[in-house]
Structures are given as structure tokens and as C-alpha cells.
Amino acid sequence: MPSETNGDLAVPISVNRDSSNPPRPPVWPLESADPGVPLPLQAKCDRHGRQGGICCKDIKNDDERTLVDPDIVRDVVIGLSDGLTVPFALTAGLSSLGESRLVVLGGIAELIAGAISMGIGGFLASQAERDHHRFLKRHISARVQRNCDGEMEREVYAILGPVGVDEHTSQAVTRSLLAAEREGTEGPVDEERQQLRWKDDVGLTAFLLKFGEGLKEVPTKRLYLSAITIGLGYLVGGIIPLIPYFFISRAHIALLYSCILTGVVLLVFGAIKSRVTGAGNDAAGYTWGAVSTLMVGGAAAAAAYGMVALFERDS
């Protein structure tokens, strides 16, 4: 039963102590706010005024696929694409010599060397990207501390203006970003400010770096993940064209099976790539992704085979 204390109505509140299901912030319809009383963003929801009472976050599109991290997709595409085309072109070229044993030995040697080289290349590329980001971060941070607020407002407006933000709003954004950055380095250090101090994506420096330069932080684990992904992708993709040569002694016959097997894999890989990257939205998009990947691999193999056959004929 509610009790009355000092003229106020007290109602017992049920406390949710289940840590696995934490309570959500209260949500009221927009029209329930008192005049002149601003509501926090978390309390604003128009589900009560929408037919069916569905929140806009619960409305689904026709295409609700879950895309893979583009950095992972990029590394997998680089590794598999090179693995399916370079060793395939090499084995096709060596097939003109007529012996499958020679094709297998040359293919395995190239496969191992190529996988190691591609992995190291991915590591060094990610490392260079990380070092470039860190350098620009130090440079922009020093410029933010050195320049006046007016110059910073002009830089922020140069980013926000082309997307439709007016100058007054841009100035307010600049002041908020400057205040957030200075809160992390000035004044007494309490728990909240200590967390802000060590947060790299807060303040004007992070804003200019991300939206002005188009860069994001590259974690150290990304270097090793990129090397492993590209190297393994090259290894897996490169072993496929070699499979027929392990079982067929005549290289010219093994080449036919290798072409069929690699062609099927290239088609499947191209369609999957279009799916996970979002490039294909229908059958035509998947078909183009598959055919274009097949055309690249086939052109590389045909060029390698033709060059080796030409030199062998001249000799």
C-alpha cells in the first residue's frame, strides 16, 4: 500500500536485481511531456503514436543481411583472389611442359613462398596504416592545442557545412568537442574524468581525425590478424588448382580438371564476395560478381599458359 510522508505520495519501487537482464531506461510518448520541459534523448520514442505501437528500431528492411567486417573481407578477398589466380596461372603455364610432377613441385614452392610473402605484406601494410594514424593524431592534437577557437570552428564547419549543418550549429558542436577534450586533461581527476582522459575517441582531435582525414585507429592485434588472414587465404586458394595434379600424371589432362575446379571455385567465391560485401542485391549482382572474378582468374591463367607455350616453342 502506498504511504504518505510529509504530504508526498510514496510508492514502493520494484528493484530489478537480475544482472543478466538489466533494467531499461523509461520510455514515454512524445506528447506526454509537460510544456517547456525537455526530455532526454533516451526518453523520446514515438512508438505510441505509430500504428501497431512498433518502435522504429524494430522495423525491418527487406534486406537485413549481416555484413562481415570490411577489413576482414578485404584481407580474405586479397588472399583468396591472389591464391586462386597466381598459382593457377603458374600451374597452367607449367602444364605446357607436360609433367605433373614438375607442376606440383613448382606450385608448392610458389604457394608457400607466396603465402608467407602475402602475410608479411598484410602485416606491413597494417603497420604503416597504424603509424600514419598515430602521426596524424599527434599532429592534429598539437594543432588543436595551438590554434584559437575561431580557427577550430572554421575547420569543423568545413567538414559539417557540405552535409547540411548550418554555421551556428557547427560552432556549438566545436565548443562541445573542445570542452570534451579539455575535460580529459584539465581540472581535478575524478572517476568519470579519468575514464574520459583515457578514451581516445573523445574530443575535437578524434573528430578531425575521423571525419576530416577519414582515418580510424588500427589496433595492434589487427596487424597479426591481417597477416594471418591474407596468408591463410592465399594458402587455401592456391592449393585448389594443384589438386588434380596430385592424381593425374599427364599435366595437359590435369590442366583441364584444374581449370574446371578453379573455375567453379572462382564463380562461387565471386558470388559469396558480392553477398558479404553488399555489392550484390539480386541475382544479377551475384552473377556479375561471380563472372567478373572468373574473368580475372581466367585471363591471368591464359596469359601465363600462352607465354610459357610461346617460349617453349621458340626454344
C-alpha atoms as a PDB file:
ATOM      1  CA  MET A   1       0.000   0.000   0.000  1.00  0.00           C
ATOM      2  CA  PRO A   2       1.321   3.477  -0.772  1.00  0.00           C
ATOM      3  CA  SER A   3       2.159   5.584   2.245  1.00  0.00           C
ATOM      4  CA  GLU A   4       2.003   9.369   2.632  1.00  0.00           C
ATOM      5  CA  THR A   5       5.001  11.175   4.135  1.00  0.00           C
ATOM      6  CA  ASN A   6       5.154  14.982   4.547  1.00  0.00           C
ATOM      7  CA  GLY A   7       2.275  15.364   2.151  1.00  0.00           C
ATOM      8  CA  ASP A   8       4.001  13.421  -0.649  1.00  0.00           C
ATOM      9  CA  LEU A   9       2.764  10.150  -2.024  1.00  0.00           C
ATOM     10  CA  ALA A  10       5.352   7.398  -1.664  1.00  0.00           C
ATOM     11  CA  VAL A  11       5.057   4.282  -3.828  1.00  0.00           C
ATOM     12  CA  PRO A  12       7.326   1.261  -3.315  1.00  0.00           C
ATOM     13  CA  ILE A  13       9.602   0.655  -6.291  1.00  0.00           C
ATOM     14  CA  SER A  14      10.415  -2.825  -7.523  1.00  0.00           C
ATOM     15  CA  VAL A  15      14.163  -3.129  -7.993  1.00  0.00           C
ATOM     16  CA  ASN A  16      15.444  -5.442 -10.689  1.00  0.00           C
ATOM     17  CA  ARG A  17      18.429  -7.295  -9.207  1.00  0.00           C
ATOM     18  CA  ASP A  18      18.909  -9.643 -12.141  1.00  0.00           C
ATOM     19  CA  SER A  19      22.329  -8.686 -13.546  1.00  0.00           C
ATOM     20  CA  SER A  20      21.742 -10.710 -16.706  1.00  0.00           C
ATOM     21  CA  ASN A  21      18.653  -8.638 -17.561  1.00  0.00           C
ATOM     22  CA  PRO A  22      19.407  -5.027 -16.562  1.00  0.00           C
ATOM     23  CA  PRO A  23      16.531  -2.534 -16.474  1.00  0.00           C
ATOM     24  CA  ARG A  24      15.991  -0.317 -19.489  1.00  0.00           C
ATOM     25  CA  PRO A  25      15.540   3.465 -19.307  1.00  0.00           C
ATOM     26  CA  PRO A  26      11.903   4.592 -19.128  1.00  0.00           C
ATOM     27  CA  VAL A  27      10.215   5.498 -22.419  1.00  0.00           C
ATOM     28  CA  TRP A  28       7.182   7.783 -22.683  1.00  0.00           C
ATOM     29  CA  PRO A  29       5.273   9.014 -25.729  1.00  0.00           C
ATOM     30  CA  LEU A  30       6.436  12.361 -27.079  1.00  0.00           C
ATOM     31  CA  GLU A  31       3.152  14.085 -26.406  1.00  0.00           C
ATOM     32  CA  SER A  32       3.229  13.233 -22.665  1.00  0.00           C
ATOM     33  CA  ALA A  33       5.924  15.791 -21.821  1.00  0.00           C
ATOM     34  CA  ASP A  34       4.925  18.896 -19.903  1.00  0.00           C
ATOM     35  CA  PRO A  35       5.172  22.163 -21.848  1.00  0.00           C
ATOM     36  CA  GLY A  36       8.643  23.645 -21.615  1.00  0.00           C
ATOM     37  CA  VAL A  37      10.203  20.550 -20.014  1.00  0.00           C
ATOM     38  CA  PRO A  38      12.873  18.985 -22.253  1.00  0.00           C
ATOM     39  CA  LEU A  39      13.122  15.215 -22.322  1.00  0.00           C
ATOM     40  CA  PRO A  40      16.411  13.337 -22.513  1.00  0.00           C
ATOM     41  CA  LEU A  41      17.087  11.563 -25.800  1.00  0.00           C
ATOM     42  CA  GLN A  42      16.673   8.135 -24.211  1.00  0.00           C
ATOM     43  CA  ALA A  43      13.136   9.009 -23.153  1.00  0.00           C
ATOM     44  CA  LYS A  44      11.954  10.099 -26.588  1.00  0.00           C
ATOM     45  CA  CYS A  45      10.039   7.487 -28.558  1.00  0.00           C
ATOM     46  CA  ASP A  46       7.088   7.817 -30.913  1.00  0.00           C
ATOM     47  CA  ARG A  47       6.008   4.194 -30.772  1.00  0.00           C
ATOM     48  CA  HIS A  48       2.755   5.117 -29.030  1.00  0.00           C
ATOM     49  CA  GLY A  49       1.772   7.380 -31.917  1.00  0.00           C
ATOM     50  CA  ARG A  50       2.681   4.845 -34.603  1.00  0.00           C
ATOM     51  CA  GLN A  51       0.237   2.256 -35.864  1.00  0.00           C
ATOM     52  CA  GLY A  52       0.772  -1.027 -34.058  1.00  0.00           C
ATOM     53  CA  GLY A  53       2.970   0.572 -31.391  1.00  0.00           C
ATOM     54  CA  ILE A  54       6.174  -0.570 -33.124  1.00  0.00           C
ATOM     55  CA  CYS A  55       9.427   1.195 -32.334  1.00  0.00           C
ATOM     56  CA  CYS A  56      11.303   2.468 -35.391  1.00  0.00           C
ATOM     57  CA  LYS A  57      14.313   0.394 -34.344  1.00  0.00           C
ATOM     58  CA  ASP A  58      12.210  -2.766 -34.683  1.00  0.00           C
ATOM     59  CA  ILE A  59      11.114  -2.006 -38.251  1.00  0.00           C
ATOM     60  CA  LYS A  60      12.992  -4.297 -40.624  1.00  0.00           C
ATOM     61  CA  ASN A  61      14.010  -3.700 -44.211  1.00  0.00           C
ATOM     62  CA  ASP A  62      13.578  -6.233 -46.970  1.00  0.00           C
ATOM     63  CA  ASP A  63      17.338  -6.908 -46.933  1.00  0.00           C
ATOM     64  CA  GLU A  64      18.582  -7.479 -43.379  1.00  0.00           C
ATOM     65  CA  ARG A  65      21.795  -9.353 -44.116  1.00  0.00           C
ATOM     66  CA  THR A  66      24.623  -9.146 -41.581  1.00  0.00           C
ATOM     67  CA  LEU A  67      27.744  -7.868 -43.297  1.00  0.00           C
ATOM     68  CA  VAL A  68      31.190  -9.008 -42.266  1.00  0.00           C
ATOM     69  CA  ASP A  69      33.792  -6.542 -41.013  1.00  0.00           C
ATOM     70  CA  PRO A  70      35.071  -4.836 -44.196  1.00  0.00           C
ATOM     71  CA  ASP A  71      38.694  -5.131 -43.037  1.00  0.00           C
ATOM     72  CA  ILE A  72      38.305  -8.900 -42.677  1.00  0.00           C
ATOM     73  CA  VAL A  73      36.535  -9.120 -46.031  1.00  0.00           C
ATOM     74  CA  ARG A  74      39.291  -7.101 -47.662  1.00  0.00           C
ATOM     75  CA  ASP A  75      42.017  -9.396 -46.336  1.00  0.00           C
ATOM     76  CA  VAL A  76      40.107 -12.560 -47.266  1.00  0.00           C
ATOM     77  CA  VAL A  77      39.421 -11.229 -50.767  1.00  0.00           C
ATOM     78  CA  ILE A  78      43.078 -10.276 -51.252  1.00  0.00           C
ATOM     79  CA  GLY A  79      44.335 -13.659 -50.037  1.00  0.00           C
ATOM     80  CA  LEU A  80      41.828 -15.849 -51.854  1.00  0.00           C
ATOM     81  CA  SER A  81      41.886 -13.821 -55.067  1.00  0.00           C
ATOM     82  CA  ASP A  82      45.659 -13.986 -55.349  1.00  0.00           C
ATOM     83  CA  GLY A  83      45.677 -17.613 -54.205  1.00  0.00           C
ATOM     84  CA  LEU A  84      43.162 -18.645 -56.843  1.00  0.00           C
ATOM     85  CA  THR A  85      44.748 -16.700 -59.695  1.00  0.00           C
ATOM     86  CA  VAL A  86      48.544 -16.634 -59.245  1.00  0.00           C
ATOM     87  CA  PRO A  87      49.153 -20.362 -58.501  1.00  0.00           C
ATOM     88  CA  PHE A  88      46.512 -21.280 -61.062  1.00  0.00           C
ATOM     89  CA  ALA A  89      48.284 -19.178 -63.692  1.00  0.00           C
ATOM     90  CA  LEU A  90      51.621 -20.703 -62.700  1.00  0.00           C
ATOM     91  CA  THR A  91      50.354 -24.285 -62.879  1.00  0.00           C
ATOM     92  CA  ALA A  92      48.682 -23.541 -66.210  1.00  0.00           C
ATOM     93  CA  GLY A  93      51.940 -22.208 -67.564  1.00  0.00           C
ATOM     94  CA  LEU A  94      53.982 -25.153 -66.238  1.00  0.00           C
ATOM     95  CA  SER A  95      51.442 -27.583 -67.698  1.00  0.00           C
ATOM     96  CA  SER A  96      52.793 -26.826 -71.144  1.00  0.00           C
ATOM     97  CA  LEU A  97      55.952 -28.705 -70.090  1.00  0.00           C
ATOM     98  CA  GLY A  98      53.929 -31.920 -69.917  1.00  0.00           C
ATOM     99  CA  GLU A  99      54.859 -33.328 -66.458  1.00  0.00           C
ATOM    100  CA  SER A 100      52.536 -33.088 -63.472  1.00  0.00           C
ATOM    101  CA  ARG A 101      55.428 -33.729 -61.065  1.00  0.00           C
ATOM    102  CA  LEU A 102      57.140 -30.545 -62.201  1.00  0.00           C
ATOM    103  CA  VAL A 103      53.876 -28.636 -61.891  1.00  0.00           C
ATOM    104  CA  VAL A 104      53.331 -29.883 -58.324  1.00  0.00           C
ATOM    105  CA  LEU A 105      56.873 -29.048 -57.199  1.00  0.00           C
ATOM    106  CA  GLY A 106      56.787 -25.593 -58.741  1.00  0.00           C
ATOM    107  CA  GLY A 107      53.256 -24.943 -57.487  1.00  0.00           C
ATOM    108  CA  ILE A 108      54.002 -25.935 -53.878  1.00  0.00           C
ATOM    109  CA  ALA A 109      57.179 -23.853 -53.816  1.00  0.00           C
ATOM    110  CA  GLU A 110      55.313 -20.822 -55.118  1.00  0.00           C
ATOM    111  CA  LEU A 111      52.383 -21.473 -52.786  1.00  0.00           C
ATOM    112  CA  ILE A 112      54.492 -21.495 -49.619  1.00  0.00           C
ATOM    113  CA  ALA A 113      56.599 -18.520 -50.657  1.00  0.00           C
ATOM    114  CA  GLY A 114      53.536 -16.617 -51.790  1.00  0.00           C
ATOM    115  CA  ALA A 115      51.584 -17.249 -48.576  1.00  0.00           C
ATOM    116  CA  ILE A 116      54.492 -16.048 -46.433  1.00  0.00           C
ATOM    117  CA  SER A 117      55.062 -13.039 -48.660  1.00  0.00           C
ATOM    118  CA  MET A 118      51.376 -12.096 -48.695  1.00  0.00           C
ATOM    119  CA  GLY A 119      51.123 -12.451 -44.915  1.00  0.00           C
ATOM    120  CA  ILE A 120      54.160 -10.248 -44.352  1.00  0.00           C
ATOM    121  CA  GLY A 121      52.770  -7.752 -46.829  1.00  0.00           C
ATOM    122  CA  GLY A 122      49.475  -7.588 -44.953  1.00  0.00           C
ATOM    123  CA  PHE A 123      51.313  -7.073 -41.655  1.00  0.00           C
ATOM    124  CA  LEU A 124      53.486  -4.276 -43.030  1.00  0.00           C
ATOM    125  CA  ALA A 125      50.523  -2.583 -44.727  1.00  0.00           C
ATOM    126  CA  SER A 126      48.502  -2.536 -41.498  1.00  0.00           C
ATOM    127  CA  GLN A 127      51.553  -1.356 -39.568  1.00  0.00           C
ATOM    128  CA  ALA A 128      52.085   1.519 -41.988  1.00  0.00           C
ATOM    129  CA  GLU A 129      48.404   2.461 -41.658  1.00  0.00           C
ATOM    130  CA  ARG A 130      48.681   2.434 -37.850  1.00  0.00           C
ATOM    131  CA  ASP A 131      51.858   4.536 -37.852  1.00  0.00           C
ATOM    132  CA  HIS A 132      50.280   7.029 -40.250  1.00  0.00           C
ATOM    133  CA  HIS A 133      47.236   7.326 -37.971  1.00  0.00           C
ATOM    134  CA  ARG A 134      49.399   7.898 -34.880  1.00  0.00           C
ATOM    135  CA  PHE A 135      51.457  10.574 -36.607  1.00  0.00           C
ATOM    136  CA  LEU A 136      48.386  12.482 -37.780  1.00  0.00           C
ATOM    137  CA  LYS A 137      46.837  12.141 -34.320  1.00  0.00           C
ATOM    138  CA  ARG A 138      49.860  13.819 -32.689  1.00  0.00           C
ATOM    139  CA  HIS A 139      49.921  16.484 -35.403  1.00  0.00           C
ATOM    140  CA  ILE A 140      46.204  17.313 -35.120  1.00  0.00           C
ATOM    141  CA  SER A 141      46.291  17.260 -31.314  1.00  0.00           C
ATOM    142  CA  ALA A 142      49.125  19.799 -31.305  1.00  0.00           C
ATOM    143  CA  ARG A 143      47.219  21.979 -33.771  1.00  0.00           C
ATOM    144  CA  VAL A 144      44.075  21.880 -31.625  1.00  0.00           C
ATOM    145  CA  GLN A 145      46.056  22.974 -28.568  1.00  0.00           C
ATOM    146  CA  ARG A 146      47.881  25.694 -30.510  1.00  0.00           C
ATOM    147  CA  ASN A 147      45.163  27.275 -32.646  1.00  0.00           C
ATOM    148  CA  CYS A 148      42.400  29.598 -31.479  1.00  0.00           C
ATOM    149  CA  ASP A 149      38.779  28.560 -31.149  1.00  0.00           C
ATOM    150  CA  GLY A 150      37.840  30.530 -34.265  1.00  0.00           C
ATOM    151  CA  GLU A 151      40.192  28.521 -36.455  1.00  0.00           C
ATOM    152  CA  MET A 152      38.852  25.271 -34.992  1.00  0.00           C
ATOM    153  CA  GLU A 153      35.286  26.425 -35.705  1.00  0.00           C
ATOM    154  CA  ARG A 154      36.228  27.046 -39.331  1.00  0.00           C
ATOM    155  CA  GLU A 155      37.764  23.573 -39.650  1.00  0.00           C
ATOM    156  CA  VAL A 156      34.712  21.884 -38.158  1.00  0.00           C
ATOM    157  CA  TYR A 157      32.377  23.906 -40.377  1.00  0.00           C
ATOM    158  CA  ALA A 158      34.425  22.880 -43.423  1.00  0.00           C
ATOM    159  CA  ILE A 159      33.506  19.269 -42.538  1.00  0.00           C
ATOM    160  CA  LEU A 160      29.902  19.739 -41.422  1.00  0.00           C
ATOM    161  CA  GLY A 161      28.870  22.505 -43.816  1.00  0.00           C
ATOM    162  CA  PRO A 162      28.847  20.387 -47.006  1.00  0.00           C
ATOM    163  CA  VAL A 163      26.498  17.846 -45.359  1.00  0.00           C
ATOM    164  CA  GLY A 164      23.896  20.490 -44.440  1.00  0.00           C
ATOM    165  CA  VAL A 165      24.860  21.694 -40.945  1.00  0.00           C
ATOM    166  CA  ASP A 166      24.496  25.476 -40.517  1.00  0.00           C
ATOM    167  CA  GLU A 167      27.293  27.629 -39.134  1.00  0.00           C
ATOM    168  CA  HIS A 168      25.642  28.277 -35.770  1.00  0.00           C
ATOM    169  CA  THR A 169      25.158  24.574 -35.084  1.00  0.00           C
ATOM    170  CA  SER A 170      28.691  23.875 -36.248  1.00  0.00           C
ATOM    171  CA  GLN A 171      30.047  26.387 -33.746  1.00  0.00           C
ATOM    172  CA  ALA A 172      28.074  24.699 -30.955  1.00  0.00           C
ATOM    173  CA  VAL A 173      29.500  21.327 -31.988  1.00  0.00           C
ATOM    174  CA  THR A 174      33.019  22.774 -31.920  1.00  0.00           C
ATOM    175  CA  ARG A 175      32.548  24.151 -28.406  1.00  0.00           C
ATOM    176  CA  SER A 176      31.223  20.806 -27.173  1.00  0.00           C
ATOM    177  CA  LEU A 177      34.132  18.912 -28.715  1.00  0.00           C
ATOM    178  CA  LEU A 178      36.680  21.327 -27.283  1.00  0.00           C
ATOM    179  CA  ALA A 179      35.092  21.069 -23.851  1.00  0.00           C
ATOM    180  CA  ALA A 180      35.118  17.261 -24.017  1.00  0.00           C
ATOM    181  CA  GLU A 181      38.791  17.218 -24.998  1.00  0.00           C
ATOM    182  CA  ARG A 182      39.841  19.699 -22.326  1.00  0.00           C
ATOM    183  CA  GLU A 183      37.893  17.889 -19.628  1.00  0.00           C
ATOM    184  CA  GLY A 184      40.203  14.913 -20.104  1.00  0.00           C
ATOM    185  CA  THR A 185      43.355  16.941 -19.369  1.00  0.00           C
ATOM    186  CA  GLU A 186      42.341  19.789 -17.076  1.00  0.00           C
ATOM    187  CA  GLY A 187      40.861  20.100 -13.626  1.00  0.00           C
ATOM    188  CA  PRO A 188      40.647  17.617 -10.759  1.00  0.00           C
ATOM    189  CA  VAL A 189      40.638  13.976 -11.745  1.00  0.00           C
ATOM    190  CA  ASP A 190      37.515  12.143 -10.629  1.00  0.00           C
ATOM    191  CA  GLU A 191      36.389   8.711 -11.793  1.00  0.00           C
ATOM    192  CA  GLU A 192      34.344   9.976 -14.733  1.00  0.00           C
ATOM    193  CA  ARG A 193      37.070  12.331 -15.890  1.00  0.00           C
ATOM    194  CA  GLN A 194      39.690   9.635 -15.529  1.00  0.00           C
ATOM    195  CA  GLN A 195      37.704   7.423 -17.899  1.00  0.00           C
ATOM    196  CA  LEU A 196      37.369  10.322 -20.331  1.00  0.00           C
ATOM    197  CA  ARG A 197      41.093  11.043 -20.194  1.00  0.00           C
ATOM    198  CA  TRP A 198      41.966   7.578 -21.423  1.00  0.00           C
ATOM    199  CA  LYS A 199      39.277   7.463 -24.082  1.00  0.00           C
ATOM    200  CA  ASP A 200      40.892   8.104 -27.488  1.00  0.00           C
ATOM    201  CA  ASP A 201      37.730   8.749 -29.490  1.00  0.00           C
ATOM    202  CA  VAL A 202      36.560  11.786 -27.481  1.00  0.00           C
ATOM    203  CA  GLY A 203      37.128  15.420 -28.352  1.00  0.00           C
ATOM    204  CA  LEU A 204      37.982  17.610 -31.306  1.00  0.00           C
ATOM    205  CA  THR A 205      41.168  15.729 -32.236  1.00  0.00           C
ATOM    206  CA  ALA A 206      39.271  12.465 -32.680  1.00  0.00           C
ATOM    207  CA  PHE A 207      36.550  14.266 -34.670  1.00  0.00           C
ATOM    208  CA  LEU A 208      39.001  15.905 -37.090  1.00  0.00           C
ATOM    209  CA  LEU A 209      40.949  12.687 -37.448  1.00  0.00           C
ATOM    210  CA  LYS A 210      37.909  10.540 -38.200  1.00  0.00           C
ATOM    211  CA  PHE A 211      35.728  12.860 -40.251  1.00  0.00           C
ATOM    212  CA  GLY A 212      38.331  15.265 -41.604  1.00  0.00           C
ATOM    213  CA  GLU A 213      41.071  12.797 -42.529  1.00  0.00           C
ATOM    214  CA  GLY A 214      38.853   9.701 -42.818  1.00  0.00           C
ATOM    215  CA  LEU A 215      41.113   7.609 -40.566  1.00  0.00           C
ATOM    216  CA  LYS A 216      40.433   5.321 -37.647  1.00  0.00           C
ATOM    217  CA  GLU A 217      42.664   3.714 -35.055  1.00  0.00           C
ATOM    218  CA  VAL A 218      44.324   0.455 -36.110  1.00  0.00           C
ATOM    219  CA  PRO A 219      44.729  -1.820 -33.058  1.00  0.00           C
ATOM    220  CA  THR A 220      47.901  -3.856 -32.713  1.00  0.00           C
ATOM    221  CA  LYS A 221      46.009  -7.147 -32.977  1.00  0.00           C
ATOM    222  CA  ARG A 222      44.818  -6.005 -36.389  1.00  0.00           C
ATOM    223  CA  LEU A 223      48.377  -6.325 -37.706  1.00  0.00           C
ATOM    224  CA  TYR A 224      48.629 -10.013 -36.823  1.00  0.00           C
ATOM    225  CA  LEU A 225      45.038 -10.745 -37.818  1.00  0.00           C
ATOM    226  CA  SER A 226      45.610  -9.209 -41.242  1.00  0.00           C
ATOM    227  CA  ALA A 227      48.809 -11.213 -41.770  1.00  0.00           C
ATOM    228  CA  ILE A 228      47.175 -14.495 -40.765  1.00  0.00           C
ATOM    229  CA  THR A 229      44.008 -13.864 -42.790  1.00  0.00           C
ATOM    230  CA  ILE A 230      45.810 -12.940 -46.001  1.00  0.00           C
ATOM    231  CA  GLY A 231      48.381 -15.721 -45.653  1.00  0.00           C
ATOM    232  CA  LEU A 232      45.831 -18.439 -44.941  1.00  0.00           C
ATOM    233  CA  GLY A 233      43.549 -17.124 -47.674  1.00  0.00           C
ATOM    234  CA  TYR A 234      46.373 -17.372 -50.186  1.00  0.00           C
ATOM    235  CA  LEU A 235      47.286 -20.867 -48.969  1.00  0.00           C
ATOM    236  CA  VAL A 236      43.709 -22.168 -49.153  1.00  0.00           C
ATOM    237  CA  GLY A 237      43.033 -20.564 -52.511  1.00  0.00           C
ATOM    238  CA  GLY A 238      46.332 -21.682 -54.014  1.00  0.00           C
ATOM    239  CA  ILE A 239      46.019 -25.364 -53.127  1.00  0.00           C
ATOM    240  CA  ILE A 240      42.805 -25.730 -55.156  1.00  0.00           C
ATOM    241  CA  PRO A 241      44.370 -25.522 -58.667  1.00  0.00           C
ATOM    242  CA  LEU A 242      47.034 -28.050 -57.622  1.00  0.00           C
ATOM    243  CA  ILE A 243      44.636 -30.808 -56.522  1.00  0.00           C
ATOM    244  CA  PRO A 244      44.197 -32.503 -59.951  1.00  0.00           C
ATOM    245  CA  TYR A 245      47.960 -32.659 -60.477  1.00  0.00           C
ATOM    246  CA  PHE A 246      48.359 -34.861 -57.396  1.00  0.00           C
ATOM    247  CA  PHE A 247      46.241 -37.602 -59.005  1.00  0.00           C
ATOM    248  CA  ILE A 248      46.855 -37.243 -62.757  1.00  0.00           C
ATOM    249  CA  SER A 249      50.364 -37.741 -64.133  1.00  0.00           C
ATOM    250  CA  ARG A 250      49.782 -36.090 -67.506  1.00  0.00           C
ATOM    251  CA  ALA A 251      49.841 -32.346 -66.986  1.00  0.00           C
ATOM    252  CA  HIS A 252      47.726 -31.497 -70.046  1.00  0.00           C
ATOM    253  CA  ILE A 253      44.853 -33.649 -68.788  1.00  0.00           C
ATOM    254  CA  ALA A 254      45.262 -32.429 -65.209  1.00  0.00           C
ATOM    255  CA  LEU A 255      45.086 -28.876 -66.524  1.00  0.00           C
ATOM    256  CA  LEU A 256      41.567 -29.457 -67.849  1.00  0.00           C
ATOM    257  CA  TYR A 257      40.346 -30.657 -64.456  1.00  0.00           C
ATOM    258  CA  SER A 258      42.222 -27.831 -62.747  1.00  0.00           C
ATOM    259  CA  CYS A 259      40.505 -25.293 -64.981  1.00  0.00           C
ATOM    260  CA  ILE A 260      37.071 -26.753 -64.249  1.00  0.00           C
ATOM    261  CA  LEU A 261      37.686 -26.951 -60.496  1.00  0.00           C
ATOM    262  CA  THR A 262      39.226 -23.497 -60.230  1.00  0.00           C
ATOM    263  CA  GLY A 263      36.524 -22.002 -62.441  1.00  0.00           C
ATOM    264  CA  VAL A 264      33.761 -23.361 -60.212  1.00  0.00           C
ATOM    265  CA  VAL A 265      35.544 -22.108 -57.092  1.00  0.00           C
ATOM    266  CA  LEU A 266      36.072 -18.674 -58.660  1.00  0.00           C
ATOM    267  CA  LEU A 267      32.376 -18.446 -59.520  1.00  0.00           C
ATOM    268  CA  VAL A 268      31.320 -19.423 -56.004  1.00  0.00           C
ATOM    269  CA  PHE A 269      33.891 -17.125 -54.429  1.00  0.00           C
ATOM    270  CA  GLY A 270      32.782 -14.187 -56.566  1.00  0.00           C
ATOM    271  CA  ALA A 271      29.126 -14.690 -55.634  1.00  0.00           C
ATOM    272  CA  ILE A 272      29.934 -15.018 -51.912  1.00  0.00           C
ATOM    273  CA  LYS A 273      32.116 -11.917 -52.080  1.00  0.00           C
ATOM    274  CA  SER A 274      29.235  -9.937 -53.569  1.00  0.00           C
ATOM    275  CA  ARG A 275      26.992 -11.194 -50.788  1.00  0.00           C
ATOM    276  CA  VAL A 276      29.179 -10.412 -47.770  1.00  0.00           C
ATOM    277  CA  THR A 277      30.318  -7.031 -49.098  1.00  0.00           C
ATOM    278  CA  GLY A 278      26.803  -5.887 -50.029  1.00  0.00           C
ATOM    279  CA  ALA A 279      27.782  -5.324 -53.677  1.00  0.00           C
ATOM    280  CA  GLY A 280      25.116  -7.732 -54.902  1.00  0.00           C
ATOM    281  CA  ASN A 281      21.471  -7.173 -54.021  1.00  0.00           C
ATOM    282  CA  ASP A 282      19.856  -9.548 -56.500  1.00  0.00           C
ATOM    283  CA  ALA A 283      20.647 -12.416 -58.836  1.00  0.00           C
ATOM    284  CA  ALA A 284      22.159 -10.063 -61.398  1.00  0.00           C
ATOM    285  CA  GLY A 285      24.566  -8.613 -58.823  1.00  0.00           C
ATOM    286  CA  TYR A 286      25.672 -12.062 -57.653  1.00  0.00           C
ATOM    287  CA  THR A 287      26.078 -13.209 -61.244  1.00  0.00           C
ATOM    288  CA  TRP A 288      28.236 -10.235 -62.154  1.00  0.00           C
ATOM    289  CA  GLY A 289      30.408 -10.744 -59.086  1.00  0.00           C
ATOM    290  CA  ALA A 290      30.914 -14.405 -59.977  1.00  0.00           C
ATOM    291  CA  VAL A 291      31.580 -13.798 -63.679  1.00  0.00           C
ATOM    292  CA  SER A 292      33.968 -10.874 -63.108  1.00  0.00           C
ATOM    293  CA  THR A 293      36.032 -12.932 -60.653  1.00  0.00           C
ATOM    294  CA  LEU A 294      36.158 -15.810 -63.130  1.00  0.00           C
ATOM    295  CA  MET A 295      37.237 -13.480 -65.936  1.00  0.00           C
ATOM    296  CA  VAL A 296      40.164 -12.110 -63.892  1.00  0.00           C
ATOM    297  CA  GLY A 297      41.417 -15.586 -62.941  1.00  0.00           C
ATOM    298  CA  GLY A 298      40.913 -16.949 -66.433  1.00  0.00           C
ATOM    299  CA  ALA A 299      42.743 -14.052 -68.076  1.00  0.00           C
ATOM    300  CA  ALA A 300      45.743 -14.495 -65.763  1.00  0.00           C
ATOM    301  CA  ALA A 301      45.891 -18.251 -66.400  1.00  0.00           C
ATOM    302  CA  ALA A 302      45.542 -17.847 -70.170  1.00  0.00           C
ATOM    303  CA  ALA A 303      48.322 -15.238 -70.273  1.00  0.00           C
ATOM    304  CA  ALA A 304      50.697 -17.435 -68.239  1.00  0.00           C
ATOM    305  CA  TYR A 305      49.970 -20.545 -70.291  1.00  0.00           C
ATOM    306  CA  GLY A 306      50.382 -18.685 -73.566  1.00  0.00           C
ATOM    307  CA  MET A 307      53.717 -17.111 -72.576  1.00  0.00           C
ATOM    308  CA  VAL A 308      55.250 -20.407 -71.431  1.00  0.00           C
ATOM    309  CA  ALA A 309      53.981 -22.223 -74.507  1.00  0.00           C
ATOM    310  CA  LEU A 310      55.375 -19.482 -76.764  1.00  0.00           C
ATOM    311  CA  PHE A 311      58.851 -19.567 -75.215  1.00  0.00           C
ATOM    312  CA  GLU A 312      58.909 -23.351 -75.283  1.00  0.00           C
ATOM    313  CA  ARG A 313      58.014 -23.375 -78.985  1.00  0.00           C
ATOM    314  CA  ASP A 314      60.765 -20.877 -79.797  1.00  0.00           C
ATOM    315  CA  SER A 315      63.345 -22.948 -77.947  1.00  0.00           C
END
